[in-house]
Protein backbone atom coordinates (compact mmCIF):
# COMPACT_ATOMS: atom_id res chain seq x y z
CA MET A 1 21.10 16.06 -51.37
CA LYS A 2 18.83 13.22 -50.21
CA LYS A 3 21.50 12.17 -47.59
CA HIS A 4 21.52 15.74 -46.33
CA PHE A 5 17.78 15.61 -45.85
CA LEU A 6 17.79 12.46 -44.04
CA ASN A 7 20.44 13.63 -41.51
CA MET A 8 18.47 16.88 -40.97
CA MET A 9 15.25 14.86 -40.17
CA SER A 10 17.06 12.61 -37.81
CA ARG A 11 17.93 15.39 -35.44
CA PRO A 12 14.41 16.53 -34.55
CA LEU A 13 13.39 12.90 -34.07
CA ALA A 14 16.28 12.42 -31.72
CA TRP A 15 15.39 15.43 -29.73
CA MET A 16 11.76 14.36 -29.65
CA SER A 17 12.65 10.96 -28.22
CA LEU A 18 14.80 12.36 -25.52
CA PHE A 19 11.99 14.73 -24.50
CA ILE A 20 9.44 11.87 -24.22
CA LEU A 21 11.87 9.92 -22.17
CA PHE A 22 12.47 12.87 -19.75
CA CYS A 23 8.76 13.36 -19.39
CA ASN A 24 8.21 9.73 -18.62
CA ALA A 25 10.91 9.79 -16.03
CA VAL A 26 9.72 12.68 -13.92
CA ARG A 27 5.89 12.23 -14.02
CA ALA A 28 4.57 10.37 -10.97
CA ALA A 29 2.69 7.04 -11.61
CA ALA A 30 -0.88 7.40 -10.89
CA PRO A 31 -2.83 4.47 -9.23
CA ASP A 32 -4.62 2.14 -11.57
CA TRP A 33 -8.16 3.41 -10.71
CA ARG A 34 -9.44 4.06 -14.13
CA ASN A 35 -8.78 0.56 -15.36
CA GLN A 36 -10.80 -0.81 -12.47
CA ILE A 37 -14.11 0.85 -13.36
CA VAL A 38 -17.16 -1.06 -14.40
CA SER A 39 -20.66 -0.06 -15.33
CA TYR A 40 -23.49 0.53 -12.82
CA PRO A 41 -27.19 0.87 -13.28
CA ASN A 42 -27.48 4.27 -11.57
CA TYR A 43 -25.13 7.22 -11.48
CA THR A 44 -24.89 10.66 -9.67
CA GLY A 45 -22.33 13.36 -9.79
CA VAL A 46 -20.40 15.70 -7.50
CA LEU A 47 -18.63 18.80 -8.29
CA ALA A 48 -15.81 19.09 -5.70
CA ARG A 49 -12.99 21.37 -4.76
CA VAL A 50 -10.49 19.37 -2.73
CA LYS A 51 -8.24 21.22 -0.15
CA LEU A 52 -4.91 20.08 0.92
CA ASN A 53 -3.46 22.13 3.87
CA GLY A 54 -5.93 24.84 2.96
CA ALA A 55 -4.95 25.09 -0.75
CA THR A 56 -7.14 23.82 -3.64
CA VAL A 57 -5.64 20.84 -5.42
CA SER A 58 -4.73 21.86 -8.82
CA SER A 59 -1.70 19.69 -9.92
CA GLU A 60 -2.16 18.34 -13.45
CA GLY A 61 -3.21 14.73 -13.62
CA SER A 62 -4.41 14.55 -9.89
CA LEU A 63 -7.35 12.10 -9.46
CA LEU A 64 -10.47 11.88 -7.34
CA ALA A 65 -12.14 8.61 -6.79
CA ALA A 66 -15.37 7.44 -5.04
CA PHE A 67 -15.61 4.13 -3.14
CA HIS A 68 -18.37 2.51 -1.38
CA GLY A 69 -18.04 0.82 2.15
CA ASP A 70 -15.00 -1.29 2.37
CA GLU A 71 -14.67 -1.79 -1.40
CA THR A 72 -11.07 -1.22 -2.87
CA THR A 73 -12.46 -0.92 -6.48
CA PRO A 74 -13.56 2.67 -7.25
CA ARG A 75 -17.13 3.49 -8.34
CA GLY A 76 -15.98 6.42 -10.32
CA VAL A 77 -12.84 8.49 -11.19
CA ALA A 78 -12.23 12.04 -12.41
CA GLU A 79 -9.12 14.07 -13.22
CA VAL A 80 -8.61 17.61 -11.95
CA LEU A 81 -9.90 20.31 -14.15
CA GLY A 82 -8.78 23.87 -14.22
CA SER A 83 -5.00 23.22 -14.15
CA ASN A 84 -5.38 25.17 -17.37
CA PRO A 85 -6.78 28.63 -16.41
CA ASP A 86 -9.23 28.48 -19.26
CA ASP A 87 -10.97 25.61 -17.69
CA ASP A 88 -11.16 26.77 -13.99
CA ILE A 89 -14.27 28.02 -11.92
CA ASP A 90 -13.78 31.28 -10.32
CA GLY A 91 -10.04 30.93 -10.61
CA GLU A 92 -9.79 27.72 -8.94
CA SER A 93 -9.52 23.98 -9.97
CA TYR A 94 -12.18 21.33 -9.34
CA PHE A 95 -13.23 17.81 -10.00
CA SER A 96 -16.33 16.86 -12.00
CA LEU A 97 -17.01 13.20 -10.69
CA LEU A 98 -19.58 10.85 -11.78
CA PHE A 99 -19.83 7.61 -9.70
CA GLY A 100 -22.25 4.62 -9.83
CA SER A 101 -24.50 2.79 -7.47
CA GLU A 102 -25.85 -0.86 -7.45
CA GLU A 103 -29.16 0.39 -6.17
CA ALA A 104 -30.86 3.72 -5.42
CA GLY A 105 -30.36 4.83 -1.86
CA GLU A 106 -26.85 3.29 -1.24
CA LYS A 107 -25.10 5.08 1.59
CA GLY A 108 -21.66 5.58 2.70
CA PHE A 109 -19.64 6.78 -0.36
CA THR A 110 -16.11 7.84 0.66
CA PHE A 111 -13.54 9.66 -1.54
CA LYS A 112 -9.82 9.51 -2.05
CA LEU A 113 -7.46 11.91 -3.66
CA TRP A 114 -4.25 10.97 -5.57
CA ASN A 115 -2.12 14.22 -5.60
CA SER A 116 0.22 14.20 -8.57
CA ALA A 117 2.37 16.78 -7.01
CA ASP A 118 3.57 14.56 -4.12
CA ASP A 119 2.43 11.13 -5.62
CA ARG A 120 0.40 10.37 -2.44
CA ILE A 121 -3.07 8.99 -1.79
CA TYR A 122 -5.13 10.89 0.66
CA ASP A 123 -8.50 10.04 2.41
CA LEU A 124 -11.00 12.84 2.22
CA ASP A 125 -13.29 14.05 5.07
CA LYS A 126 -16.63 13.88 2.97
CA THR A 127 -19.17 10.90 3.11
CA LEU A 128 -22.17 11.08 0.83
CA ASP A 129 -25.25 8.90 0.34
CA PHE A 130 -26.51 8.15 -3.12
CA ASP A 131 -29.54 10.26 -4.33
CA THR A 132 -31.34 9.32 -7.51
CA ASN A 133 -32.78 12.90 -7.39
CA TYR A 134 -29.42 14.52 -7.84
CA PRO A 135 -29.70 14.65 -11.54
CA ALA A 136 -32.89 16.82 -11.31
CA LYS A 137 -31.13 19.34 -9.00
CA PRO A 138 -29.08 22.20 -10.32
CA ALA A 139 -25.75 22.59 -8.62
CA ILE A 140 -24.52 26.03 -8.02
CA TYR A 141 -20.81 26.44 -7.19
CA GLY A 142 -19.77 30.05 -6.92
CA GLY A 143 -20.75 31.42 -10.23
CA PHE A 144 -20.91 28.06 -11.85
CA THR A 145 -24.25 25.97 -12.34
CA SER A 146 -24.37 22.47 -13.54
CA ALA A 147 -27.56 20.35 -13.60
CA GLY A 148 -26.97 16.84 -12.26
CA PHE A 149 -23.95 17.56 -9.96
CA VAL A 150 -23.97 18.33 -6.33
CA PRO A 151 -21.33 20.99 -5.27
CA CYS A 152 -19.13 20.43 -2.15
CA VAL A 153 -15.68 20.98 -0.74
CA MET A 154 -13.64 18.07 0.47
CA ASN A 155 -10.55 18.32 2.76
CA VAL A 156 -7.64 15.92 3.28
CA ALA A 157 -8.23 13.78 6.52
CA SER A 158 -5.13 11.56 6.22
CA GLY A 159 -2.40 10.69 3.83
CA LYS A 160 -1.33 7.20 2.65
CA TYR A 161 1.38 5.48 0.55
CA ARG A 162 0.89 2.57 -1.73
CA VAL A 163 1.74 -1.08 -0.90
CA THR A 164 2.81 -3.18 -3.73
CA VAL A 165 3.52 -6.92 -3.25
CA ALA A 166 5.24 -8.98 -5.93
CA GLY A 167 4.61 -12.80 -5.45
CA GLY A 168 2.06 -12.28 -2.82
CA THR A 169 -0.87 -10.15 -1.34
CA ALA A 170 -1.22 -7.57 1.36
CA ASP A 171 -4.15 -6.93 3.59
CA LYS A 172 -4.26 -3.27 2.45
CA THR A 173 -3.26 -1.50 -0.82
CA GLU A 174 -2.22 1.65 0.93
CA ALA A 175 -1.45 2.54 4.35
CA GLU A 176 -0.30 5.53 6.67
CA PRO A 177 3.27 5.79 7.93
CA GLY A 178 3.53 3.75 10.99
CA GLU A 179 0.60 1.43 10.27
CA VAL A 180 1.24 -2.31 10.38
CA VAL A 181 0.69 -4.20 7.09
CA THR A 182 0.36 -7.89 6.83
CA ILE A 183 1.65 -9.58 3.65
CA THR A 184 1.28 -13.21 2.44
CA ALA A 185 3.33 -15.04 -0.12
CA THR A 186 1.58 -16.75 -2.92
CA LEU A 187 3.56 -20.02 -2.97
CA PRO A 188 4.14 -21.76 -6.30
CA SER A 189 3.72 -25.60 -6.49
CA ASN A 190 6.56 -27.43 -4.61
CA GLN A 191 8.24 -24.23 -3.54
CA GLY A 192 8.68 -22.41 -0.30
CA LEU A 193 9.49 -18.86 0.50
CA LYS A 194 13.13 -17.90 0.40
CA ILE A 195 12.84 -14.29 1.64
CA TRP A 196 10.97 -11.12 1.41
CA THR A 197 13.02 -8.22 -0.08
CA PRO A 198 11.65 -4.59 0.12
CA ASP A 199 12.77 -1.87 -2.27
CA LYS A 200 13.63 0.40 0.71
CA GLU A 201 14.45 0.03 4.30
CA VAL A 202 11.42 -1.13 6.25
CA GLU A 203 10.88 -2.28 9.75
CA PHE A 204 9.78 -5.92 9.87
CA VAL A 205 7.58 -7.03 12.95
CA GLY A 206 7.66 -10.60 11.77
CA SER A 207 10.32 -12.65 10.09
CA VAL A 208 11.34 -11.95 6.59
CA LEU A 209 11.57 -15.68 6.06
CA ALA A 210 7.85 -16.27 7.07
CA PRO A 211 5.25 -16.85 4.30
CA THR A 212 2.93 -14.54 6.24
CA THR A 213 4.62 -11.55 7.92
CA THR A 214 4.06 -7.94 8.96
CA PHE A 215 5.97 -4.75 8.50
CA VAL A 216 5.65 -1.08 9.66
CA MET A 217 4.63 1.16 6.80
CA PRO A 218 7.41 3.75 5.94
CA ALA A 219 6.69 7.35 4.89
CA SER A 220 7.00 6.44 1.25
CA HIS A 221 5.53 3.99 -1.35
CA VAL A 222 6.95 0.53 -0.91
CA THR A 223 7.22 -2.66 -2.97
CA ILE A 224 8.01 -5.87 -1.31
CA ALA A 225 9.02 -8.93 -3.46
CA ALA A 226 8.84 -12.49 -2.45
CA SER A 227 11.56 -14.90 -3.75
CA PHE A 228 11.11 -18.66 -3.75
CA ILE A 229 13.10 -21.75 -3.43
CA ALA A 230 12.30 -25.45 -4.36
CA LYS A 231 11.10 -27.41 -1.21
CA SER A 232 13.66 -30.17 -2.12
CA SER A 233 16.27 -27.61 -1.60
CA MET A 234 14.98 -26.32 1.68
CA PRO A 235 16.40 -27.67 4.98
CA ALA A 236 14.05 -29.09 7.61
CA VAL A 237 14.58 -27.38 10.85
CA ALA A 238 12.88 -28.70 14.03
CA VAL A 239 12.64 -26.84 17.30
CA ARG A 240 12.32 -28.45 20.83
CA SER A 241 11.92 -26.69 23.91
CA THR A 242 13.10 -28.44 27.13
CA THR A 243 14.55 -27.78 30.65
CA ASN A 244 17.57 -29.17 32.32
CA ALA A 245 15.08 -31.53 34.12
CA GLY A 246 14.07 -33.10 30.82
CA ASP A 247 10.49 -31.86 30.57
CA ASP A 248 9.13 -28.90 28.45
CA THR A 249 8.02 -26.66 31.41
CA ALA A 250 10.29 -24.33 33.36
CA THR A 251 9.02 -23.24 36.75
CA GLU A 252 9.45 -19.69 38.22
CA PRO A 253 12.09 -19.12 40.93
CA SER A 254 10.75 -18.89 44.38
CA SER A 255 11.54 -15.14 44.43
CA SER A 256 12.86 -12.37 42.09
CA THR A 257 16.23 -12.64 43.76
CA ALA A 258 16.41 -16.52 43.89
CA SER A 259 18.64 -18.34 41.23
CA ALA A 260 16.71 -20.33 38.63
CA THR A 261 17.26 -23.91 39.08
CA ASP A 262 14.82 -25.08 36.41
CA LYS A 263 16.29 -23.56 33.23
CA GLY A 264 14.75 -23.81 29.85
CA LYS A 265 16.31 -24.19 26.48
CA PHE A 266 15.45 -24.41 22.75
CA THR A 267 17.28 -26.99 20.55
CA PHE A 268 17.39 -26.35 16.66
CA THR A 269 17.99 -29.57 14.57
CA ARG A 270 18.42 -29.60 10.81
CA THR A 271 18.04 -32.23 8.29
CA ASN A 272 17.69 -32.87 4.42
CA VAL A 273 20.77 -30.54 3.62
CA ASN A 274 24.45 -30.62 3.61
CA VAL A 275 25.29 -30.08 7.32
CA ALA A 276 28.87 -29.04 6.32
CA LYS A 277 27.47 -25.70 5.04
CA ALA A 278 26.43 -23.07 7.47
CA LEU A 279 22.84 -22.35 7.90
CA THR A 280 21.33 -19.29 9.62
CA VAL A 281 17.76 -19.78 11.05
CA HIS A 282 15.92 -16.48 11.89
CA TYR A 283 13.10 -16.79 14.60
CA SER A 284 10.98 -14.64 16.82
CA VAL A 285 10.28 -15.04 20.64
CA ARG A 286 6.76 -13.99 21.97
CA GLY A 287 5.04 -14.04 25.24
CA THR A 288 4.21 -11.87 28.17
CA ALA A 289 7.82 -12.02 29.56
CA ALA A 290 10.13 -9.43 28.18
CA ASN A 291 13.21 -10.55 26.33
CA GLY A 292 16.34 -9.46 28.10
CA ALA A 293 14.40 -8.28 31.24
CA ASP A 294 12.41 -11.12 32.60
CA TYR A 295 14.95 -13.72 31.27
CA LYS A 296 18.42 -13.77 29.68
CA SER A 297 18.57 -12.03 26.33
CA ILE A 298 17.76 -14.37 23.33
CA PRO A 299 19.04 -13.40 19.97
CA SER A 300 16.74 -13.35 16.86
CA SER A 301 18.80 -15.88 14.76
CA VAL A 302 21.06 -18.92 15.34
CA THR A 303 23.72 -20.37 12.87
C-alpha cells in the first residue's frame, strides 16, 4: 500500500515539473530594470495608459520604466495592471508608476515600455518634468481617481531591441534595426581578442577581429560574445604600404584615361608563429576613393 501511494504521488509531481519547464520556456525574458532601482529623496507618480499601434498595451508582465536624461538606470518601474479584468479601469489596462528624483524640479523624464507580447523595448512619446506638488493633486482618469498620480496617455514612438555583449561592452544597451552599434572587448591580462561571435547573423561594419568594432543592429535581440587568445600564441602581423618607386606615396595619373605608372601596394609580414601553418588576416580599407571603382578591387582578407 505504501509503495502504491508513493507511485500515485510521483505522477502529479512529474506533471507539475513539466508544466513549470514549459512556462519558463515560452515566457519572454524582461529587461533587468527592477533590480537596478535605488532609493531617491523625492517621488511622484503617473497613471498611464500606453498605446501601441492604437491599442492599449495589456500583455501580462509588460513593464513601464521612467528614465532621466541620458541615464540608462531607471528611476522607477511598474508592471501593467488590468490584464485581469477585475483590476482594469474602464475596461482597459494601465500602469501605476512611481518614480524618483534627486531634487525637486528635475526636468526631462522619459519613458520606455517593455512589451511582453513581442519581447521588444519601445521609446514612448511622453516627456515629463518632476513636480513636488503632484502628490497633492487628485488624478482623474476616466471614472478613476487616485490622489498623488498624474493621468496621461503615452504612445510608442519607436521600437528597439536589446544588445548584450559577453566579454565586453556596447555603447548602447538597446538599438533600433539599422542603427550602428559600437562594441569593445574587455581584454583579460596577457590576452588578445580572437574573434567576435554573434548569436545570429549580423552585418559587421568593422572587423570581427578588432577589439573595438561596429555592427548594424538586426530586427531582433542580439548577443555578441568575445573570445580571447593568449598573446604568446598570437602572430605578429606588420603591414607596410609602398609603391613601385620604393616610397610610400602613389601619385595620381595625369588623366582619367592615362595608365598608372606609380602603383601602390600593401605588404603583410607575419612573425612569432609557425609560418608553415596558413594564417588568414582580415582587414578593412578606408578613404575617399571607392574600392573597385577608383582603383583595382582589393579583397577584405589575405592568406
